PDB file of N, CA and C in Angstrom:
ATOM      1  N   UNK A   1     107.247 198.537 145.350  1.00  0.00           N
ATOM      2  CA  UNK A   1     108.456 197.696 145.299  1.00  0.00           C
ATOM      3  C   UNK A   1     108.668 196.326 145.872  1.00  0.00           C
ATOM      4  N   UNK A   2     107.851 196.670 147.662  1.00  0.00           N
ATOM      5  CA  UNK A   2     107.436 195.329 147.874  1.00  0.00           C
ATOM      6  C   UNK A   2     106.850 194.083 147.662  1.00  0.00           C
ATOM      7  N   UNK A   3     106.020 194.423 146.700  1.00  0.00           N
ATOM      8  CA  UNK A   3     104.769 193.561 145.979  1.00  0.00           C
ATOM      9  C   UNK A   3     105.709 192.711 144.799  1.00  0.00           C
ATOM     10  N   UNK A   4     106.700 193.716 144.217  1.00  0.00           N
ATOM     11  CA  UNK A   4     107.243 192.986 142.976  1.00  0.00           C
ATOM     12  C   UNK A   4     108.179 192.280 143.832  1.00  0.00           C
ATOM     13  N   UNK A   5     108.922 192.616 144.804  1.00  0.00           N
ATOM     14  CA  UNK A   5     109.806 191.489 145.622  1.00  0.00           C
ATOM     15  C   UNK A   5     109.171 190.316 146.121  1.00  0.00           C
ATOM     16  N   UNK A   6     107.843 190.503 146.453  1.00  0.00           N
ATOM     17  CA  UNK A   6     107.210 189.407 146.817  1.00  0.00           C
ATOM     18  C   UNK A   6     106.566 188.214 146.179  1.00  0.00           C
ATOM     19  N   UNK A   7     106.185 188.915 144.800  1.00  0.00           N
ATOM     20  CA  UNK A   7     105.531 188.608 143.268  1.00  0.00           C
ATOM     21  C   UNK A   7     107.244 187.497 142.945  1.00  0.00           C
ATOM     22  N   UNK A   8     108.560 187.959 142.646  1.00  0.00           N
ATOM     23  CA  UNK A   8     109.410 187.558 142.497  1.00  0.00           C
ATOM     24  C   UNK A   8     110.458 186.061 143.461  1.00  0.00           C
ATOM     25  N   UNK A   9     109.701 186.289 144.896  1.00  0.00           N
ATOM     26  CA  UNK A   9     109.955 185.481 145.643  1.00  0.00           C
ATOM     27  C   UNK A   9     108.810 184.432 145.416  1.00  0.00           C
ATOM     28  N   UNK A  10     107.882 184.578 145.374  1.00  0.00           N
ATOM     29  CA  UNK A  10     106.844 183.672 144.895  1.00  0.00           C
ATOM     30  C   UNK A  10     106.981 182.634 143.565  1.00  0.00           C
ATOM     31  N   UNK A  11     107.698 183.513 142.669  1.00  0.00           N
ATOM     32  CA  UNK A  11     107.800 182.855 141.331  1.00  0.00           C
ATOM     33  C   UNK A  11     109.094 181.749 141.472  1.00  0.00           C
ATOM     34  N   UNK A  12     109.797 182.884 142.273  1.00  0.00           N
ATOM     35  CA  UNK A  12     111.526 182.031 142.812  1.00  0.00           C
ATOM     36  C   UNK A  12     111.194 180.366 143.066  1.00  0.00           C
ATOM     37  N   UNK A  13     109.945 180.452 144.380  1.00  0.00           N
ATOM     38  CA  UNK A  13     109.779 179.575 145.329  1.00  0.00           C
ATOM     39  C   UNK A  13     108.681 178.411 144.328  1.00  0.00           C
ATOM     40  N   UNK A  14     107.936 178.888 143.689  1.00  0.00           N
ATOM     41  CA  UNK A  14     107.147 178.427 142.409  1.00  0.00           C
ATOM     42  C   UNK A  14     108.323 177.140 141.589  1.00  0.00           C
ATOM     43  N   UNK A  15     109.242 178.107 140.929  1.00  0.00           N
ATOM     44  CA  UNK A  15     110.095 177.231 140.224  1.00  0.00           C
ATOM     45  C   UNK A  15     110.706 175.944 141.238  1.00  0.00           C
ATOM     46  N   UNK A  16     111.270 176.680 142.248  1.00  0.00           N
ATOM     47  CA  UNK A  16     112.154 175.438 142.812  1.00  0.00           C
ATOM     48  C   UNK A  16     111.061 173.856 143.645  1.00  0.00           C
ATOM     49  N   UNK A  17     109.362 174.340 143.451  1.00  0.00           N
ATOM     50  CA  UNK A  17     108.395 173.122 144.180  1.00  0.00           C
ATOM     51  C   UNK A  17     108.498 172.806 142.625  1.00  0.00           C
ATOM     52  N   UNK A  18     108.295 173.215 141.104  1.00  0.00           N
ATOM     53  CA  UNK A  18     108.878 172.450 140.093  1.00  0.00           C
ATOM     54  C   UNK A  18     109.515 171.856 140.169  1.00  0.00           C
ATOM     55  N   UNK A  19     110.558 172.416 140.258  1.00  0.00           N
ATOM     56  CA  UNK A  19     112.267 171.568 140.027  1.00  0.00           C
ATOM     57  C   UNK A  19     112.241 170.568 141.067  1.00  0.00           C
ATOM     58  N   UNK A  20     111.585 170.682 142.634  1.00  0.00           N
ATOM     59  CA  UNK A  20     111.742 169.571 143.371  1.00  0.00           C
ATOM     60  C   UNK A  20     110.784 168.235 142.575  1.00  0.00           C
ATOM     61  N   UNK A  21     109.265 168.605 141.873  1.00  0.00           N
ATOM     62  CA  UNK A  21     108.601 168.123 141.557  1.00  0.00           C
ATOM     63  C   UNK A  21     109.054 167.351 140.354  1.00  0.00           C
ATOM     64  N   UNK A  22     109.934 167.782 139.715  1.00  0.00           N
ATOM     65  CA  UNK A  22     110.425 167.539 137.979  1.00  0.00           C
ATOM     66  C   UNK A  22     111.693 166.170 139.030  1.00  0.00           C
ATOM     67  N   UNK A  23     112.000 166.499 139.728  1.00  0.00           N
ATOM     68  CA  UNK A  23     113.515 165.553 140.015  1.00  0.00           C
ATOM     69  C   UNK A  23     112.425 164.279 141.122  1.00  0.00           C
ATOM     70  N   UNK A  24     111.667 164.668 141.850  1.00  0.00           N
ATOM     71  CA  UNK A  24     110.882 163.313 142.413  1.00  0.00           C
ATOM     72  C   UNK A  24     110.404 162.585 141.004  1.00  0.00           C
ATOM     73  N   UNK A  25     110.250 163.015 140.197  1.00  0.00           N
ATOM     74  CA  UNK A  25     109.385 162.284 139.342  1.00  0.00           C
ATOM     75  C   UNK A  25     110.238 161.746 138.521  1.00  0.00           C
ATOM     76  N   UNK A  26     111.395 162.428 137.442  1.00  0.00           N
ATOM     77  CA  UNK A  26     112.775 161.717 137.513  1.00  0.00           C
ATOM     78  C   UNK A  26     113.240 160.350 138.155  1.00  0.00           C
ATOM     79  N   UNK A  27     113.238 160.731 139.602  1.00  0.00           N
ATOM     80  CA  UNK A  27     113.911 159.625 140.885  1.00  0.00           C
ATOM     81  C   UNK A  27     112.648 158.225 140.414  1.00  0.00           C
ATOM     82  N   UNK A  28     111.567 158.929 140.304  1.00  0.00           N
ATOM     83  CA  UNK A  28     110.314 157.695 140.595  1.00  0.00           C
ATOM     84  C   UNK A  28     110.605 156.663 139.355  1.00  0.00           C
ATOM     85  N   UNK A  29     110.608 157.436 138.347  1.00  0.00           N
ATOM     86  CA  UNK A  29     110.578 157.212 136.906  1.00  0.00           C
ATOM     87  C   UNK A  29     112.240 156.352 136.944  1.00  0.00           C
ATOM     88  N   UNK A  30     112.935 156.251 137.366  1.00  0.00           N
ATOM     89  CA  UNK A  30     114.506 155.382 137.607  1.00  0.00           C
ATOM     90  C   UNK A  30     114.143 154.354 138.405  1.00  0.00           C
ATOM     91  N   UNK A  31     113.558 154.651 139.563  1.00  0.00           N
ATOM     92  CA  UNK A  31     113.030 153.745 140.503  1.00  0.00           C
ATOM     93  C   UNK A  31     111.915 152.427 139.691  1.00  0.00           C
ATOM     94  N   UNK A  32     111.485 153.142 138.620  1.00  0.00           N
ATOM     95  CA  UNK A  32     110.693 151.613 137.975  1.00  0.00           C
ATOM     96  C   UNK A  32     111.272 151.245 136.940  1.00  0.00           C
ATOM     97  N   UNK A  33     112.465 152.227 136.021  1.00  0.00           N
ATOM     98  CA  UNK A  33     113.182 151.567 135.196  1.00  0.00           C
ATOM     99  C   UNK A  33     114.172 150.371 135.887  1.00  0.00           C
ATOM    100  N   UNK A  34     114.664 150.312 137.169  1.00  0.00           N
ATOM    101  CA  UNK A  34     115.702 149.746 137.565  1.00  0.00           C
ATOM    102  C   UNK A  34     115.365 147.884 138.335  1.00  0.00           C
ATOM    103  N   UNK A  35     113.200 148.430 138.881  1.00  0.00           N
ATOM    104  CA  UNK A  35     113.233 147.467 139.629  1.00  0.00           C
ATOM    105  C   UNK A  35     112.719 146.466 138.479  1.00  0.00           C
ATOM    106  N   UNK A  36     112.512 146.840 136.941  1.00  0.00           N
ATOM    107  CA  UNK A  36     111.925 146.143 135.929  1.00  0.00           C
ATOM    108  C   UNK A  36     113.372 145.454 135.662  1.00  0.00           C
ATOM    109  N   UNK A  37     114.783 146.187 135.896  1.00  0.00           N
ATOM    110  CA  UNK A  37     115.637 145.884 134.982  1.00  0.00           C
ATOM    111  C   UNK A  37     115.648 144.968 135.929  1.00  0.00           C
ATOM    112  N   UNK A  38     115.670 144.963 137.542  1.00  0.00           N
ATOM    113  CA  UNK A  38     115.602 143.765 138.312  1.00  0.00           C
ATOM    114  C   UNK A  38     114.795 142.829 138.450  1.00  0.00           C
ATOM    115  N   UNK A  39     113.579 142.977 137.926  1.00  0.00           N
ATOM    116  CA  UNK A  39     112.818 141.611 137.821  1.00  0.00           C
ATOM    117  C   UNK A  39     113.256 140.933 136.678  1.00  0.00           C
ATOM    118  N   UNK A  40     113.863 141.540 135.487  1.00  0.00           N
ATOM    119  CA  UNK A  40     114.549 140.810 134.221  1.00  0.00           C
ATOM    120  C   UNK A  40     115.486 139.904 134.641  1.00  0.00           C
ATOM    121  N   UNK A  41     116.236 140.512 135.472  1.00  0.00           N
ATOM    122  CA  UNK A  41     117.396 140.089 135.971  1.00  0.00           C
ATOM    123  C   UNK A  41     117.403 138.671 137.015  1.00  0.00           C
ATOM    124  N   UNK A  42     116.030 138.983 137.715  1.00  0.00           N
ATOM    125  CA  UNK A  42     115.683 137.611 138.698  1.00  0.00           C
ATOM    126  C   UNK A  42     114.822 136.792 137.730  1.00  0.00           C
ATOM    127  N   UNK A  43     114.267 136.790 137.000  1.00  0.00           N
ATOM    128  CA  UNK A  43     113.675 136.049 135.810  1.00  0.00           C
ATOM    129  C   UNK A  43     114.907 135.187 134.974  1.00  0.00           C
ATOM    130  N   UNK A  44     116.012 136.294 134.220  1.00  0.00           N
ATOM    131  CA  UNK A  44     117.248 135.441 133.841  1.00  0.00           C
ATOM    132  C   UNK A  44     117.782 134.727 134.866  1.00  0.00           C
ATOM    133  N   UNK A  45     117.831 134.655 135.297  1.00  0.00           N
ATOM    134  CA  UNK A  45     118.990 134.216 136.585  1.00  0.00           C
ATOM    135  C   UNK A  45     118.102 132.785 137.035  1.00  0.00           C
ATOM    136  N   UNK A  46     116.811 132.969 137.534  1.00  0.00           N
ATOM    137  CA  UNK A  46     115.658 131.698 137.524  1.00  0.00           C
ATOM    138  C   UNK A  46     116.213 130.818 136.222  1.00  0.00           C
ATOM    139  N   UNK A  47     116.085 131.364 135.138  1.00  0.00           N
ATOM    140  CA  UNK A  47     116.087 130.678 133.302  1.00  0.00           C
ATOM    141  C   UNK A  47     116.916 129.881 133.666  1.00  0.00           C
ATOM    142  N   UNK A  48     118.497 130.389 133.856  1.00  0.00           N
ATOM    143  CA  UNK A  48     119.582 130.201 133.755  1.00  0.00           C
ATOM    144  C   UNK A  48     120.028 128.997 135.030  1.00  0.00           C
ATOM    145  N   UNK A  49     119.258 129.321 135.975  1.00  0.00           N
ATOM    146  CA  UNK A  49     119.357 128.250 136.969  1.00  0.00           C
ATOM    147  C   UNK A  49     118.855 127.048 136.566  1.00  0.00           C
ATOM    148  N   UNK A  50     117.728 126.888 136.425  1.00  0.00           N
ATOM    149  CA  UNK A  50     116.673 125.995 135.936  1.00  0.00           C
ATOM    150  C   UNK A  50     117.357 125.286 134.834  1.00  0.00           C
ATOM    151  N   UNK A  51     118.122 125.985 133.605  1.00  0.00           N
ATOM    152  CA  UNK A  51     118.935 125.231 132.987  1.00  0.00           C
ATOM    153  C   UNK A  51     119.906 124.545 133.062  1.00  0.00           C
ATOM    154  N   UNK A  52     120.883 125.060 134.199  1.00  0.00           N
ATOM    155  CA  UNK A  52     121.484 124.408 134.613  1.00  0.00           C
ATOM    156  C   UNK A  52     121.476 122.624 135.818  1.00  0.00           C
ATOM    157  N   UNK A  53     120.601 123.067 136.260  1.00  0.00           N
ATOM    158  CA  UNK A  53     119.698 122.066 136.973  1.00  0.00           C
ATOM    159  C   UNK A  53     119.786 121.102 136.049  1.00  0.00           C
ATOM    160  N   UNK A  54     119.004 121.326 134.616  1.00  0.00           N
ATOM    161  CA  UNK A  54     118.708 120.127 133.836  1.00  0.00           C
ATOM    162  C   UNK A  54     119.813 119.896 133.313  1.00  0.00           C
ATOM    163  N   UNK A  55     120.732 120.399 132.894  1.00  0.00           N
ATOM    164  CA  UNK A  55     122.003 120.128 132.323  1.00  0.00           C
ATOM    165  C   UNK A  55     122.759 119.356 133.497  1.00  0.00           C
ATOM    166  N   UNK A  56     122.657 119.237 134.741  1.00  0.00           N
ATOM    167  CA  UNK A  56     123.297 118.740 136.012  1.00  0.00           C
ATOM    168  C   UNK A  56     123.023 117.350 135.748  1.00  0.00           C
ATOM    169  N   UNK A  57     121.296 117.346 135.868  1.00  0.00           N
ATOM    170  CA  UNK A  57     120.572 116.339 135.866  1.00  0.00           C
ATOM    171  C   UNK A  57     120.606 115.137 134.734  1.00  0.00           C
ATOM    172  N   UNK A  58     120.753 115.568 133.361  1.00  0.00           N
ATOM    173  CA  UNK A  58     121.275 115.147 132.704  1.00  0.00           C
ATOM    174  C   UNK A  58     122.708 114.667 132.484  1.00  0.00           C
ATOM    175  N   UNK A  59     123.475 115.019 133.017  1.00  0.00           N
ATOM    176  CA  UNK A  59     124.840 114.843 133.222  1.00  0.00           C
ATOM    177  C   UNK A  59     124.955 113.559 134.335  1.00  0.00           C
ATOM    178  N   UNK A  60     123.952 114.056 135.326  1.00  0.00           N
ATOM    179  CA  UNK A  60     124.032 112.388 136.259  1.00  0.00           C
ATOM    180  C   UNK A  60     123.598 111.731 135.707  1.00  0.00           C
ATOM    181  N   UNK A  61     122.417 111.722 134.813  1.00  0.00           N
ATOM    182  CA  UNK A  61     121.753 110.366 134.011  1.00  0.00           C
ATOM    183  C   UNK A  61     122.800 109.920 133.049  1.00  0.00           C
ATOM    184  N   UNK A  62     123.756 110.585 132.439  1.00  0.00           N
ATOM    185  CA  UNK A  62     124.888 109.892 131.861  1.00  0.00           C
ATOM    186  C   UNK A  62     125.544 109.153 132.662  1.00  0.00           C
ATOM    187  N   UNK A  63     125.677 109.920 133.476  1.00  0.00           N
ATOM    188  CA  UNK A  63     127.043 109.041 134.571  1.00  0.00           C
ATOM    189  C   UNK A  63     126.636 107.828 134.996  1.00  0.00           C
ATOM    190  N   UNK A  64     125.535 107.833 135.795  1.00  0.00           N
ATOM    191  CA  UNK A  64     125.026 106.942 135.794  1.00  0.00           C
ATOM    192  C   UNK A  64     124.679 105.442 134.696  1.00  0.00           C
ATOM    193  N   UNK A  65     124.052 105.826 134.171  1.00  0.00           N
ATOM    194  CA  UNK A  65     124.366 104.728 132.597  1.00  0.00           C
ATOM    195  C   UNK A  65     125.938 104.155 132.511  1.00  0.00           C
ATOM    196  N   UNK A  66     126.867 105.475 132.137  1.00  0.00           N
ATOM    197  CA  UNK A  66     128.205 104.840 131.745  1.00  0.00           C
ATOM    198  C   UNK A  66     128.769 103.993 132.748  1.00  0.00           C
ATOM    199  N   UNK A  67     128.194 103.958 134.204  1.00  0.00           N
ATOM    200  CA  UNK A  67     128.623 103.147 135.243  1.00  0.00           C
ATOM    201  C   UNK A  67     128.070 102.080 135.476  1.00  0.00           C
ATOM    202  N   UNK A  68     126.837 102.004 135.022  1.00  0.00           N
ATOM    203  CA  UNK A  68     126.362 100.373 135.287  1.00  0.00           C
ATOM    204  C   UNK A  68     127.115 100.116 133.447  1.00  0.00           C
ATOM    205  N   UNK A  69     126.895 100.645 132.638  1.00  0.00           N
ATOM    206  CA  UNK A  69     128.207 100.137 131.064  1.00  0.00           C
ATOM    207  C   UNK A  69     129.385  99.614 131.563  1.00  0.00           C
ATOM    208  N   UNK A  70     130.202 100.323 132.450  1.00  0.00           N
ATOM    209  CA  UNK A  70     131.197 100.206 132.994  1.00  0.00           C
ATOM    210  C   UNK A  70     131.054  98.845 133.638  1.00  0.00           C
ATOM    211  N   UNK A  71     130.191  98.462 134.718  1.00  0.00           N
ATOM    212  CA  UNK A  71     130.005  97.700 135.188  1.00  0.00           C
ATOM    213  C   UNK A  71     129.958  96.338 134.738  1.00  0.00           C
ATOM    214  N   UNK A  72     129.172  96.534 133.790  1.00  0.00           N
ATOM    215  CA  UNK A  72     128.961  95.144 133.269  1.00  0.00           C
ATOM    216  C   UNK A  72     129.768  94.580 132.467  1.00  0.00           C
ATOM    217  N   UNK A  73     130.758  95.949 131.800  1.00  0.00           N
ATOM    218  CA  UNK A  73     132.139  95.254 131.015  1.00  0.00           C
ATOM    219  C   UNK A  73     132.989  94.647 132.007  1.00  0.00           C
ATOM    220  N   UNK A  74     133.122  95.116 132.828  1.00  0.00           N
ATOM    221  CA  UNK A  74     134.186  94.853 134.268  1.00  0.00           C
ATOM    222  C   UNK A  74     133.497  93.257 134.212  1.00  0.00           C
ATOM    223  N   UNK A  75     132.213  93.463 134.436  1.00  0.00           N
ATOM    224  CA  UNK A  75     131.358  91.592 134.656  1.00  0.00           C
ATOM    225  C   UNK A  75     131.864  90.735 133.636  1.00  0.00           C
ATOM    226  N   UNK A  76     132.026  91.243 132.281  1.00  0.00           N
ATOM    227  CA  UNK A  76     131.824  90.146 131.249  1.00  0.00           C
ATOM    228  C   UNK A  76     133.659  89.975 131.093  1.00  0.00           C
ATOM    229  N   UNK A  77     133.990  91.112 131.445  1.00  0.00           N
ATOM    230  CA  UNK A  77     135.603  90.556 131.266  1.00  0.00           C
ATOM    231  C   UNK A  77     135.995  89.762 132.439  1.00  0.00           C
ATOM    232  N   UNK A  78     135.629  90.096 133.336  1.00  0.00           N
ATOM    233  CA  UNK A  78     135.781  88.321 134.656  1.00  0.00           C
ATOM    234  C   UNK A  78     135.097  86.979 134.279  1.00  0.00           C
ATOM    235  N   UNK A  79     133.720  87.215 133.474  1.00  0.00           N
ATOM    236  CA  UNK A  79     133.697  86.019 133.197  1.00  0.00           C
ATOM    237  C   UNK A  79     134.016  85.241 131.983  1.00  0.00           C
ATOM    238  N   UNK A  80     134.997  86.222 130.918  1.00  0.00           N
ATOM    239  CA  UNK A  80     135.929  85.978 129.657  1.00  0.00           C
ATOM    240  C   UNK A  80     136.737  85.512 130.248  1.00  0.00           C
ATOM    241  N   UNK A  81     137.757  86.308 131.360  1.00  0.00           N
ATOM    242  CA  UNK A  81     138.552  85.503 132.325  1.00  0.00           C
ATOM    243  C   UNK A  81     138.211  84.167 132.942  1.00  0.00           C
ATOM    244  N   UNK A  82     137.381  84.236 133.177  1.00  0.00           N
ATOM    245  CA  UNK A  82     137.329  82.213 134.111  1.00  0.00           C
ATOM    246  C   UNK A  82     137.188  81.571 133.323  1.00  0.00           C
ATOM    247  N   UNK A  83     136.520  81.898 132.010  1.00  0.00           N
ATOM    248  CA  UNK A  83     136.562  81.067 130.905  1.00  0.00           C
ATOM    249  C   UNK A  83     137.885  80.765 129.895  1.00  0.00           C
ATOM    250  N   UNK A  84     138.546  81.927 130.136  1.00  0.00           N
ATOM    251  CA  UNK A  84     139.728  81.489 129.435  1.00  0.00           C
ATOM    252  C   UNK A  84     141.079  80.870 130.222  1.00  0.00           C
ATOM    253  N   UNK A  85     140.703  80.619 131.583  1.00  0.00           N
ATOM    254  CA  UNK A  85     141.694  80.293 132.430  1.00  0.00           C
ATOM    255  C   UNK A  85     140.533  78.431 132.560  1.00  0.00           C
ATOM    256  N   UNK A  86     139.358  78.807 132.001  1.00  0.00           N
ATOM    257  CA  UNK A  86     139.407  76.864 132.356  1.00  0.00           C
ATOM    258  C   UNK A  86     139.518  76.165 130.813  1.00  0.00           C
ATOM    259  N   UNK A  87     139.591  77.001 129.420  1.00  0.00           N
ATOM    260  CA  UNK A  87     140.289  76.694 128.402  1.00  0.00           C
ATOM    261  C   UNK A  87     141.754  76.505 128.731  1.00  0.00           C
ATOM    262  N   UNK A  88     142.301  77.131 129.182  1.00  0.00           N
ATOM    263  CA  UNK A  88     143.527  77.090 128.885  1.00  0.00           C
ATOM    264  C   UNK A  88     144.136  75.887 130.134  1.00  0.00           C
ATOM    265  N   UNK A  89     143.406  75.595 131.357  1.00  0.00           N
ATOM    266  CA  UNK A  89     143.510  74.334 132.312  1.00  0.00           C
ATOM    267  C   UNK A  89     143.398  72.750 131.095  1.00  0.00           C
ATOM    268  N   UNK A  90     141.785  72.959 130.084  1.00  0.00           N
ATOM    269  CA  UNK A  90     141.892  72.006 129.180  1.00  0.00           C
ATOM    270  C   UNK A  90     143.172  71.965 128.461  1.00  0.00           C
ATOM    271  N   UNK A  91     143.306  73.179 128.100  1.00  0.00           N
ATOM    272  CA  UNK A  91     144.257  72.866 126.543  1.00  0.00           C
ATOM    273  C   UNK A  91     145.778  72.154 127.365  1.00  0.00           C
ATOM    274  N   UNK A  92     146.211  72.552 128.836  1.00  0.00           N
ATOM    275  CA  UNK A  92     147.277  72.410 129.440  1.00  0.00           C
ATOM    276  C   UNK A  92     147.051  70.899 129.554  1.00  0.00           C
ATOM    277  N   UNK A  93     145.900  70.238 129.911  1.00  0.00           N
ATOM    278  CA  UNK A  93     145.460  68.812 130.305  1.00  0.00           C
ATOM    279  C   UNK A  93     145.946  68.030 129.008  1.00  0.00           C
ATOM    280  N   UNK A  94     145.101  68.673 127.786  1.00  0.00           N
ATOM    281  CA  UNK A  94     145.426  68.281 126.297  1.00  0.00           C
ATOM    282  C   UNK A  94     146.693  67.884 126.274  1.00  0.00           C
ATOM    283  N   UNK A  95     147.472  68.841 126.130  1.00  0.00           N
ATOM    284  CA  UNK A  95     149.101  68.977 126.117  1.00  0.00           C
ATOM    285  C   UNK A  95     149.741  67.775 126.934  1.00  0.00           C
ATOM    286  N   UNK A  96     149.387  67.741 128.049  1.00  0.00           N
ATOM    287  CA  UNK A  96     149.799  66.783 128.813  1.00  0.00           C
ATOM    288  C   UNK A  96     149.643  65.243 128.467  1.00  0.00           C
ATOM    289  N   UNK A  97     148.363  64.904 128.341  1.00  0.00           N
ATOM    290  CA  UNK A  97     147.892  63.599 127.891  1.00  0.00           C
ATOM    291  C   UNK A  97     148.868  63.360 126.143  1.00  0.00           C
ATOM    292  N   UNK A  98     148.574  64.310 125.336  1.00  0.00           N
ATOM    293  CA  UNK A  98     149.622  63.999 124.452  1.00  0.00           C
ATOM    294  C   UNK A  98     151.119  64.049 124.444  1.00  0.00           C
ATOM    295  N   UNK A  99     150.979  64.346 125.554  1.00  0.00           N
ATOM    296  CA  UNK A  99     153.209  64.312 125.555  1.00  0.00           C
ATOM    297  C   UNK A  99     153.026  62.956 126.016  1.00  0.00           C
ATOM    298  N   UNK A 100     151.891  62.592 127.417  1.00  0.00           N
ATOM    299  CA  UNK A 100     152.768  60.917 127.845  1.00  0.00           C
ATOM    300  C   UNK A 100     152.279  59.889 126.435  1.00  0.00           C
ATOM    301  N   UNK A 101     151.734  59.914 125.722  1.00  0.00           N
ATOM    302  CA  UNK A 101     151.524  59.304 124.417  1.00  0.00           C
ATOM    303  C   UNK A 101     152.755  59.112 123.641  1.00  0.00           C
TER     304      UNK A 101
END
């Protein structure tokens, strides 16, 4: 009976060792999966960050071009305004001459 109890105890202990080994392997497998998921998430985040940096760069370039264009329009508007002022002065002068005649 003692040998039988020892044999049963050894079998139970072996079962426990196998269960612990299985659990360790399961945890190791899960850790591997999580590690891979983290690596993929990091790569995706890095790629998204690069895409956003490129979009910011493109928008910055567009803004710079629009600012240059606006500045040119303002400059052209100012020059046109000066020309109109000169033409108005000539017209006023012409009208004044004609009214003297």
